[in-house]
Amino acid sequence: PMFVCPGTKVRQEVSSMPGIHQQSADQIVEECREVE
């Protein structure tokens, strides 16, 4: 699961789910590389 938010270079951890972040599209792509 990934949570997309507006902006660029945004990466904010969700306190209730350690390791999960709200991220802008550019950061989503970077984490997707790791997921792959």
PDB file of all heavy atoms in Angstrom:
ATOM      1  N   PRO A   1       0.818  -1.217   0.000  1.00  0.00           N
ATOM      2  CA  PRO A   1       0.000   0.000   0.000  1.00  0.00           C
ATOM      3  C   PRO A   1       0.847   1.260   0.000  1.00  0.00           C
ATOM      4  O   PRO A   1       1.861   1.348   0.699  1.00  0.00           O
ATOM      5  CB  PRO A   1      -0.789  -0.127   1.311  1.00  0.00           C
ATOM      6  CG  PRO A   1       0.139  -0.877   2.220  1.00  0.00           C
ATOM      7  CD  PRO A   1       0.885  -1.838   1.339  1.00  0.00           C
ATOM      8  N   MET A   2       0.421   2.258  -0.779  1.00  0.00           N
ATOM      9  CA  MET A   2       1.144   3.530  -0.853  1.00  0.00           C
ATOM     10  C   MET A   2       0.127   4.667  -0.847  1.00  0.00           C
ATOM     11  O   MET A   2      -0.937   4.572  -1.465  1.00  0.00           O
ATOM     12  CB  MET A   2       2.015   3.591  -2.104  1.00  0.00           C
ATOM     13  CG  MET A   2       2.923   2.385  -2.283  1.00  0.00           C
ATOM     14  SD  MET A   2       4.126   2.552  -3.621  1.00  0.00           S
ATOM     15  CE  MET A   2       5.407   3.477  -2.781  1.00  0.00           C
ATOM     16  N   PHE A   3       0.489   5.752  -0.167  1.00  0.00           N
ATOM     17  CA  PHE A   3      -0.430   6.871   0.026  1.00  0.00           C
ATOM     18  C   PHE A   3       0.135   8.115  -0.647  1.00  0.00           C
ATOM     19  O   PHE A   3       1.172   8.644  -0.240  1.00  0.00           O
ATOM     20  CB  PHE A   3      -0.660   7.098   1.519  1.00  0.00           C
ATOM     21  CG  PHE A   3      -1.213   5.874   2.203  1.00  0.00           C
ATOM     22  CD1 PHE A   3      -0.363   4.936   2.775  1.00  0.00           C
ATOM     23  CD2 PHE A   3      -2.571   5.642   2.233  1.00  0.00           C
ATOM     24  CE1 PHE A   3      -0.864   3.792   3.386  1.00  0.00           C
ATOM     25  CE2 PHE A   3      -3.086   4.496   2.837  1.00  0.00           C
ATOM     26  CZ  PHE A   3      -2.227   3.578   3.409  1.00  0.00           C
ATOM     27  N   VAL A   4      -0.554   8.558  -1.693  1.00  0.00           N
ATOM     28  CA  VAL A   4      -0.062   9.648  -2.527  1.00  0.00           C
ATOM     29  C   VAL A   4      -0.651  10.976  -2.067  1.00  0.00           C
ATOM     30  O   VAL A   4      -1.863  11.103  -1.897  1.00  0.00           O
ATOM     31  CB  VAL A   4      -0.445   9.439  -4.010  1.00  0.00           C
ATOM     32  CG1 VAL A   4       0.371  10.370  -4.891  1.00  0.00           C
ATOM     33  CG2 VAL A   4      -0.242   8.003  -4.429  1.00  0.00           C
ATOM     34  N   CYS A   5       0.216  11.972  -1.900  1.00  0.00           N
ATOM     35  CA  CYS A   5      -0.239  13.309  -1.524  1.00  0.00           C
ATOM     36  C   CYS A   5       0.292  14.331  -2.527  1.00  0.00           C
ATOM     37  O   CYS A   5       1.182  14.026  -3.318  1.00  0.00           O
ATOM     38  CB  CYS A   5       0.211  13.647  -0.103  1.00  0.00           C
ATOM     39  SG  CYS A   5       1.998  13.743   0.102  1.00  0.00           S
ATOM     40  N   PRO A   6      -0.218  15.554  -2.508  1.00  0.00           N
ATOM     41  CA  PRO A   6       0.247  16.583  -3.447  1.00  0.00           C
ATOM     42  C   PRO A   6       1.673  17.033  -3.147  1.00  0.00           C
ATOM     43  O   PRO A   6       2.217  16.759  -2.074  1.00  0.00           O
ATOM     44  CB  PRO A   6      -0.749  17.735  -3.211  1.00  0.00           C
ATOM     45  CG  PRO A   6      -1.890  17.149  -2.476  1.00  0.00           C
ATOM     46  CD  PRO A   6      -1.335  16.019  -1.681  1.00  0.00           C
ATOM     47  N   GLY A   7       2.249  17.741  -4.108  1.00  0.00           N
ATOM     48  CA  GLY A   7       3.563  18.352  -3.913  1.00  0.00           C
ATOM     49  C   GLY A   7       4.695  17.557  -4.511  1.00  0.00           C
ATOM     50  O   GLY A   7       4.502  16.576  -5.234  1.00  0.00           O
ATOM     51  N   THR A   8       5.908  17.963  -4.191  1.00  0.00           N
ATOM     52  CA  THR A   8       7.121  17.260  -4.604  1.00  0.00           C
ATOM     53  C   THR A   8       8.041  17.116  -3.395  1.00  0.00           C
ATOM     54  O   THR A   8       8.034  17.938  -2.475  1.00  0.00           O
ATOM     55  CB  THR A   8       7.867  18.029  -5.709  1.00  0.00           C
ATOM     56  OG1 THR A   8       8.168  19.349  -5.254  1.00  0.00           O
ATOM     57  CG2 THR A   8       7.029  18.100  -6.984  1.00  0.00           C
ATOM     58  N   LYS A   9       8.808  16.053  -3.396  1.00  0.00           N
ATOM     59  CA  LYS A   9       9.758  15.755  -2.321  1.00  0.00           C
ATOM     60  C   LYS A   9       9.086  15.695  -0.949  1.00  0.00           C
ATOM     61  O   LYS A   9       9.683  16.065   0.065  1.00  0.00           O
ATOM     62  CB  LYS A   9      10.905  16.758  -2.322  1.00  0.00           C
ATOM     63  CG  LYS A   9      11.727  16.736  -3.606  1.00  0.00           C
ATOM     64  CD  LYS A   9      12.900  17.686  -3.547  1.00  0.00           C
ATOM     65  CE  LYS A   9      13.721  17.610  -4.839  1.00  0.00           C
ATOM     66  NZ  LYS A   9      14.874  18.547  -4.826  1.00  0.00           N
ATOM     67  N   VAL A  10       7.834  15.230  -0.937  1.00  0.00           N
ATOM     68  CA  VAL A  10       7.103  15.096   0.322  1.00  0.00           C
ATOM     69  C   VAL A  10       7.160  13.638   0.775  1.00  0.00           C
ATOM     70  O   VAL A  10       6.843  12.726   0.017  1.00  0.00           O
ATOM     71  CB  VAL A  10       5.629  15.530   0.165  1.00  0.00           C
ATOM     72  CG1 VAL A  10       4.880  15.333   1.490  1.00  0.00           C
ATOM     73  CG2 VAL A  10       5.541  16.976  -0.300  1.00  0.00           C
ATOM     74  N   ARG A  11       7.572  13.429   2.002  1.00  0.00           N
ATOM     75  CA  ARG A  11       7.625  12.086   2.580  1.00  0.00           C
ATOM     76  C   ARG A  11       7.387  12.216   4.082  1.00  0.00           C
ATOM     77  O   ARG A  11       8.282  12.574   4.841  1.00  0.00           O
ATOM     78  CB  ARG A  11       8.965  11.421   2.292  1.00  0.00           C
ATOM     79  CG  ARG A  11       9.075   9.975   2.785  1.00  0.00           C
ATOM     80  CD  ARG A  11      10.409   9.370   2.345  1.00  0.00           C
ATOM     81  NE  ARG A  11      10.706   8.115   3.001  1.00  0.00           N
ATOM     82  CZ  ARG A  11      10.240   6.924   2.630  1.00  0.00           C
ATOM     83  NH1 ARG A  11       9.444   6.837   1.577  1.00  0.00           N
ATOM     84  NH2 ARG A  11      10.569   5.822   3.289  1.00  0.00           N
ATOM     85  N   GLN A  12       6.177  11.929   4.514  1.00  0.00           N
ATOM     86  CA  GLN A  12       5.773  12.121   5.897  1.00  0.00           C
ATOM     87  C   GLN A  12       5.283  10.806   6.469  1.00  0.00           C
ATOM     88  O   GLN A  12       4.318  10.223   5.978  1.00  0.00           O
ATOM     89  CB  GLN A  12       4.669  13.181   5.984  1.00  0.00           C
ATOM     90  CG  GLN A  12       4.150  13.420   7.383  1.00  0.00           C
ATOM     91  CD  GLN A  12       3.027  14.445   7.408  1.00  0.00           C
ATOM     92  OE1 GLN A  12       2.739  15.101   6.398  1.00  0.00           O
ATOM     93  NE2 GLN A  12       2.390  14.601   8.547  1.00  0.00           N
ATOM     94  N   GLU A  13       5.909  10.329   7.521  1.00  0.00           N
ATOM     95  CA  GLU A  13       5.551   9.035   8.094  1.00  0.00           C
ATOM     96  C   GLU A  13       4.176   9.084   8.741  1.00  0.00           C
ATOM     97  O   GLU A  13       3.800  10.078   9.375  1.00  0.00           O
ATOM     98  CB  GLU A  13       6.584   8.583   9.123  1.00  0.00           C
ATOM     99  CG  GLU A  13       6.343   7.148   9.600  1.00  0.00           C
ATOM    100  CD  GLU A  13       7.473   6.596  10.453  1.00  0.00           C
ATOM    101  OE1 GLU A  13       8.012   7.352  11.272  1.00  0.00           O
ATOM    102  OE2 GLU A  13       7.804   5.415  10.281  1.00  0.00           O
ATOM    103  N   VAL A  14       3.438   7.994   8.587  1.00  0.00           N
ATOM    104  CA  VAL A  14       2.140   7.830   9.234  1.00  0.00           C
ATOM    105  C   VAL A  14       2.382   7.228  10.616  1.00  0.00           C
ATOM    106  O   VAL A  14       2.870   6.092  10.720  1.00  0.00           O
ATOM    107  CB  VAL A  14       1.212   6.921   8.397  1.00  0.00           C
ATOM    108  CG1 VAL A  14      -0.118   6.722   9.110  1.00  0.00           C
ATOM    109  CG2 VAL A  14       0.994   7.523   7.011  1.00  0.00           C
ATOM    110  N   SER A  15       2.066   7.972  11.651  1.00  0.00           N
ATOM    111  CA  SER A  15       2.440   7.560  13.005  1.00  0.00           C
ATOM    112  C   SER A  15       1.837   6.220  13.415  1.00  0.00           C
ATOM    113  O   SER A  15       2.451   5.449  14.160  1.00  0.00           O
ATOM    114  CB  SER A  15       2.024   8.642  14.011  1.00  0.00           C
ATOM    115  OG  SER A  15       0.623   8.849  13.981  1.00  0.00           O
ATOM    116  N   SER A  16       0.631   5.923  12.924  1.00  0.00           N
ATOM    117  CA  SER A  16      -0.036   4.675  13.306  1.00  0.00           C
ATOM    118  C   SER A  16       0.474   3.466  12.542  1.00  0.00           C
ATOM    119  O   SER A  16       0.165   2.326  12.892  1.00  0.00           O
ATOM    120  CB  SER A  16      -1.551   4.811  13.087  1.00  0.00           C
ATOM    121  OG  SER A  16      -1.818   5.099  11.734  1.00  0.00           O
ATOM    122  N   MET A  17       1.253   3.698  11.471  1.00  0.00           N
ATOM    123  CA  MET A  17       1.792   2.605  10.661  1.00  0.00           C
ATOM    124  C   MET A  17       3.272   2.853  10.402  1.00  0.00           C
ATOM    125  O   MET A  17       3.639   3.364   9.339  1.00  0.00           O
ATOM    126  CB  MET A  17       1.012   2.478   9.350  1.00  0.00           C
ATOM    127  CG  MET A  17      -0.411   2.012   9.535  1.00  0.00           C
ATOM    128  SD  MET A  17      -1.267   1.655   7.962  1.00  0.00           S
ATOM    129  CE  MET A  17      -1.587   3.315   7.378  1.00  0.00           C
ATOM    130  N   PRO A  18       4.132   2.533  11.358  1.00  0.00           N
ATOM    131  CA  PRO A  18       5.574   2.771  11.198  1.00  0.00           C
ATOM    132  C   PRO A  18       6.111   2.183   9.894  1.00  0.00           C
ATOM    133  O   PRO A  18       5.822   1.042   9.553  1.00  0.00           O
ATOM    134  CB  PRO A  18       6.178   2.063  12.416  1.00  0.00           C
ATOM    135  CG  PRO A  18       5.080   2.085  13.439  1.00  0.00           C
ATOM    136  CD  PRO A  18       3.807   1.906  12.650  1.00  0.00           C
ATOM    137  N   GLY A  19       6.886   2.991   9.181  1.00  0.00           N
ATOM    138  CA  GLY A  19       7.450   2.550   7.912  1.00  0.00           C
ATOM    139  C   GLY A  19       6.602   2.901   6.708  1.00  0.00           C
ATOM    140  O   GLY A  19       7.041   2.765   5.569  1.00  0.00           O
ATOM    141  N   ILE A  20       5.374   3.350   6.951  1.00  0.00           N
ATOM    142  CA  ILE A  20       4.470   3.759   5.867  1.00  0.00           C
ATOM    143  C   ILE A  20       4.410   5.281   5.843  1.00  0.00           C
ATOM    144  O   ILE A  20       4.334   5.929   6.891  1.00  0.00           O
ATOM    145  CB  ILE A  20       3.057   3.178   6.066  1.00  0.00           C
ATOM    146  CG1 ILE A  20       3.115   1.642   6.084  1.00  0.00           C
ATOM    147  CG2 ILE A  20       2.115   3.663   4.977  1.00  0.00           C
ATOM    148  CD1 ILE A  20       3.583   1.024   4.790  1.00  0.00           C
ATOM    149  N   HIS A  21       4.439   5.857   4.639  1.00  0.00           N
ATOM    150  CA  HIS A  21       4.502   7.298   4.509  1.00  0.00           C
ATOM    151  C   HIS A  21       3.428   7.846   3.562  1.00  0.00           C
ATOM    152  O   HIS A  21       2.992   7.155   2.651  1.00  0.00           O
ATOM    153  CB  HIS A  21       5.868   7.734   3.964  1.00  0.00           C
ATOM    154  CG  HIS A  21       7.018   7.380   4.850  1.00  0.00           C
ATOM    155  ND1 HIS A  21       7.524   6.089   4.923  1.00  0.00           N
ATOM    156  CD2 HIS A  21       7.757   8.136   5.703  1.00  0.00           C
ATOM    157  CE1 HIS A  21       8.542   6.068   5.786  1.00  0.00           C
ATOM    158  NE2 HIS A  21       8.695   7.285   6.273  1.00  0.00           N
ATOM    159  N   GLN A  22       3.054   9.094   3.812  1.00  0.00           N
ATOM    160  CA  GLN A  22       2.388   9.887   2.784  1.00  0.00           C
ATOM    161  C   GLN A  22       3.498  10.427   1.899  1.00  0.00           C
ATOM    162  O   GLN A  22       4.477  10.982   2.406  1.00  0.00           O
ATOM    163  CB  GLN A  22       1.639  11.062   3.398  1.00  0.00           C
ATOM    164  CG  GLN A  22       0.451  10.708   4.237  1.00  0.00           C
ATOM    165  CD  GLN A  22      -0.256  11.966   4.707  1.00  0.00           C
ATOM    166  OE1 GLN A  22      -0.318  12.968   4.004  1.00  0.00           O
ATOM    167  NE2 GLN A  22      -0.794  11.914   5.906  1.00  0.00           N
ATOM    168  N   GLN A  23       3.336  10.281   0.569  1.00  0.00           N
ATOM    169  CA  GLN A  23       4.419  10.690  -0.318  1.00  0.00           C
ATOM    170  C   GLN A  23       3.878  11.348  -1.580  1.00  0.00           C
ATOM    171  O   GLN A  23       2.819  10.966  -2.081  1.00  0.00           O
ATOM    172  CB  GLN A  23       5.260   9.472  -0.721  1.00  0.00           C
ATOM    173  CG  GLN A  23       5.879   8.732   0.447  1.00  0.00           C
ATOM    174  CD  GLN A  23       6.669   7.539  -0.008  1.00  0.00           C
ATOM    175  OE1 GLN A  23       7.862   7.628  -0.301  1.00  0.00           O
ATOM    176  NE2 GLN A  23       6.027   6.391  -0.087  1.00  0.00           N
ATOM    177  N   SER A  24       4.635  12.305  -2.078  1.00  0.00           N
ATOM    178  CA  SER A  24       4.321  12.882  -3.377  1.00  0.00           C
ATOM    179  C   SER A  24       4.719  11.896  -4.466  1.00  0.00           C
ATOM    180  O   SER A  24       5.448  10.922  -4.211  1.00  0.00           O
ATOM    181  CB  SER A  24       5.045  14.216  -3.552  1.00  0.00           C
ATOM    182  OG  SER A  24       6.425  14.081  -3.266  1.00  0.00           O
ATOM    183  N   ALA A  25       4.255  12.139  -5.683  1.00  0.00           N
ATOM    184  CA  ALA A  25       4.443  11.179  -6.772  1.00  0.00           C
ATOM    185  C   ALA A  25       5.915  10.857  -7.030  1.00  0.00           C
ATOM    186  O   ALA A  25       6.271   9.701  -7.302  1.00  0.00           O
ATOM    187  CB  ALA A  25       3.789  11.705  -8.044  1.00  0.00           C
ATOM    188  N   ASP A  26       6.801  11.858  -6.935  1.00  0.00           N
ATOM    189  CA  ASP A  26       8.218  11.612  -7.200  1.00  0.00           C
ATOM    190  C   ASP A  26       8.824  10.668  -6.164  1.00  0.00           C
ATOM    191  O   ASP A  26       9.649   9.806  -6.490  1.00  0.00           O
ATOM    192  CB  ASP A  26       8.987  12.936  -7.244  1.00  0.00           C
ATOM    193  CG  ASP A  26       8.825  13.742  -5.958  1.00  0.00           C
ATOM    194  OD1 ASP A  26       7.706  13.802  -5.420  1.00  0.00           O
ATOM    195  OD2 ASP A  26       9.825  14.317  -5.486  1.00  0.00           O
ATOM    196  N   GLN A  27       8.388  10.784  -4.905  1.00  0.00           N
ATOM    197  CA  GLN A  27       8.880   9.898  -3.855  1.00  0.00           C
ATOM    198  C   GLN A  27       8.266   8.500  -3.966  1.00  0.00           C
ATOM    199  O   GLN A  27       8.906   7.493  -3.640  1.00  0.00           O
ATOM    200  CB  GLN A  27       8.562  10.503  -2.482  1.00  0.00           C
ATOM    201  CG  GLN A  27       9.226  11.834  -2.227  1.00  0.00           C
ATOM    202  CD  GLN A  27      10.742  11.733  -2.236  1.00  0.00           C
ATOM    203  OE1 GLN A  27      11.325  10.948  -1.507  1.00  0.00           O
ATOM    204  NE2 GLN A  27      11.378  12.524  -3.087  1.00  0.00           N
ATOM    205  N   ILE A  28       7.026   8.458  -4.431  1.00  0.00           N
ATOM    206  CA  ILE A  28       6.362   7.171  -4.667  1.00  0.00           C
ATOM    207  C   ILE A  28       7.187   6.333  -5.643  1.00  0.00           C
ATOM    208  O   ILE A  28       7.405   5.126  -5.436  1.00  0.00           O
ATOM    209  CB  ILE A  28       4.936   7.384  -5.224  1.00  0.00           C
ATOM    210  CG1 ILE A  28       4.004   7.902  -4.131  1.00  0.00           C
ATOM    211  CG2 ILE A  28       4.394   6.100  -5.853  1.00  0.00           C
ATOM    212  CD1 ILE A  28       3.492   6.872  -3.165  1.00  0.00           C
ATOM    213  N   VAL A  29       7.665   6.953  -6.703  1.00  0.00           N
ATOM    214  CA  VAL A  29       8.452   6.244  -7.707  1.00  0.00           C
ATOM    215  C   VAL A  29       9.712   5.653  -7.090  1.00  0.00           C
ATOM    216  O   VAL A  29      10.071   4.499  -7.361  1.00  0.00           O
ATOM    217  CB  VAL A  29       8.806   7.170  -8.882  1.00  0.00           C
ATOM    218  CG1 VAL A  29       9.828   6.511  -9.805  1.00  0.00           C
ATOM    219  CG2 VAL A  29       7.558   7.526  -9.673  1.00  0.00           C
ATOM    220  N   GLU A  30      10.381   6.422  -6.242  1.00  0.00           N
ATOM    221  CA  GLU A  30      11.606   5.935  -5.616  1.00  0.00           C
ATOM    222  C   GLU A  30      11.332   4.720  -4.733  1.00  0.00           C
ATOM    223  O   GLU A  30      12.100   3.751  -4.733  1.00  0.00           O
ATOM    224  CB  GLU A  30      12.280   7.056  -4.819  1.00  0.00           C
ATOM    225  CG  GLU A  30      12.817   8.190  -5.678  1.00  0.00           C
ATOM    226  CD  GLU A  30      13.733   7.679  -6.794  1.00  0.00           C
ATOM    227  OE1 GLU A  30      14.662   6.900  -6.500  1.00  0.00           O
ATOM    228  OE2 GLU A  30      13.490   8.040  -7.958  1.00  0.00           O
ATOM    229  N   GLU A  31      10.255   4.766  -3.964  1.00  0.00           N
ATOM    230  CA  GLU A  31       9.944   3.614  -3.123  1.00  0.00           C
ATOM    231  C   GLU A  31       9.490   2.422  -3.965  1.00  0.00           C
ATOM    232  O   GLU A  31       9.738   1.269  -3.605  1.00  0.00           O
ATOM    233  CB  GLU A  31       8.890   3.959  -2.084  1.00  0.00           C
ATOM    234  CG  GLU A  31       8.696   2.839  -1.076  1.00  0.00           C
ATOM    235  CD  GLU A  31       7.937   3.247   0.164  1.00  0.00           C
ATOM    236  OE1 GLU A  31       7.329   4.340   0.168  1.00  0.00           O
ATOM    237  OE2 GLU A  31       7.941   2.463   1.127  1.00  0.00           O
ATOM    238  N   CYS A  32       8.839   2.697  -5.082  1.00  0.00           N
ATOM    239  CA  CYS A  32       8.425   1.617  -5.978  1.00  0.00           C
ATOM    240  C   CYS A  32       9.626   0.843  -6.509  1.00  0.00           C
ATOM    241  O   CYS A  32       9.543  -0.366  -6.735  1.00  0.00           O
ATOM    242  CB  CYS A  32       7.611   2.176  -7.135  1.00  0.00           C
ATOM    243  SG  CYS A  32       5.871   2.481  -6.755  1.00  0.00           S
ATOM    244  N   ARG A  33      10.739   1.520  -6.706  1.00  0.00           N
ATOM    245  CA  ARG A  33      11.953   0.827  -7.150  1.00  0.00           C
ATOM    246  C   ARG A  33      12.372  -0.208  -6.104  1.00  0.00           C
ATOM    247  O   ARG A  33      12.784  -1.326  -6.432  1.00  0.00           O
ATOM    248  CB  ARG A  33      13.082   1.832  -7.381  1.00  0.00           C
ATOM    249  CG  ARG A  33      12.808   2.846  -8.486  1.00  0.00           C
ATOM    250  CD  ARG A  33      14.038   3.707  -8.737  1.00  0.00           C
ATOM    251  NE  ARG A  33      13.708   4.900  -9.490  1.00  0.00           N
ATOM    252  CZ  ARG A  33      13.565   4.948 -10.818  1.00  0.00           C
ATOM    253  NH1 ARG A  33      13.729   3.844 -11.520  1.00  0.00           N
ATOM    254  NH2 ARG A  33      13.261   6.087 -11.428  1.00  0.00           N
ATOM    255  N   GLU A  34      12.282   0.171  -4.841  1.00  0.00           N
ATOM    256  CA  GLU A  34      12.628  -0.762  -3.766  1.00  0.00           C
ATOM    257  C   GLU A  34      11.632  -1.908  -3.702  1.00  0.00           C
ATOM    258  O   GLU A  34      12.022  -3.069  -3.511  1.00  0.00           O
ATOM    259  CB  GLU A  34      12.668  -0.025  -2.430  1.00  0.00           C
ATOM    260  CG  GLU A  34      13.069  -0.903  -1.260  1.00  0.00           C
ATOM    261  CD  GLU A  34      13.119  -0.156   0.049  1.00  0.00           C
ATOM    262  OE1 GLU A  34      12.859   1.065   0.059  1.00  0.00           O
ATOM    263  OE2 GLU A  34      13.407  -0.803   1.083  1.00  0.00           O
ATOM    264  N   VAL A  35      10.350  -1.587  -3.849  1.00  0.00           N
ATOM    265  CA  VAL A  35       9.312  -2.620  -3.828  1.00  0.00           C
ATOM    266  C   VAL A  35       9.580  -3.643  -4.932  1.00  0.00           C
ATOM    267  O   VAL A  35       9.511  -4.862  -4.710  1.00  0.00           O
ATOM    268  CB  VAL A  35       7.914  -1.987  -4.003  1.00  0.00           C
ATOM    269  CG1 VAL A  35       6.855  -3.068  -4.203  1.00  0.00           C
ATOM    270  CG2 VAL A  35       7.559  -1.128  -2.788  1.00  0.00           C
ATOM    271  N   GLU A  36       9.906  -3.166  -6.108  1.00  0.00           N
ATOM    272  CA  GLU A  36      10.204  -4.056  -7.229  1.00  0.00           C
ATOM    273  C   GLU A  36      11.405  -4.938  -6.927  1.00  0.00           C
ATOM    274  O   GLU A  36      11.409  -6.147  -7.211  1.00  0.00           O
ATOM    275  CB  GLU A  36      10.460  -3.228  -8.489  1.00  0.00           C
ATOM    276  CG  GLU A  36      10.715  -4.057  -9.738  1.00  0.00           C
ATOM    277  CD  GLU A  36      11.088  -3.190 -10.924  1.00  0.00           C
ATOM    278  OE1 GLU A  36      12.031  -2.385 -10.797  1.00  0.00           O
ATOM    279  OE2 GLU A  36      10.439  -3.323 -11.973  1.00  0.00           O
TER     280      GLU A  36
END
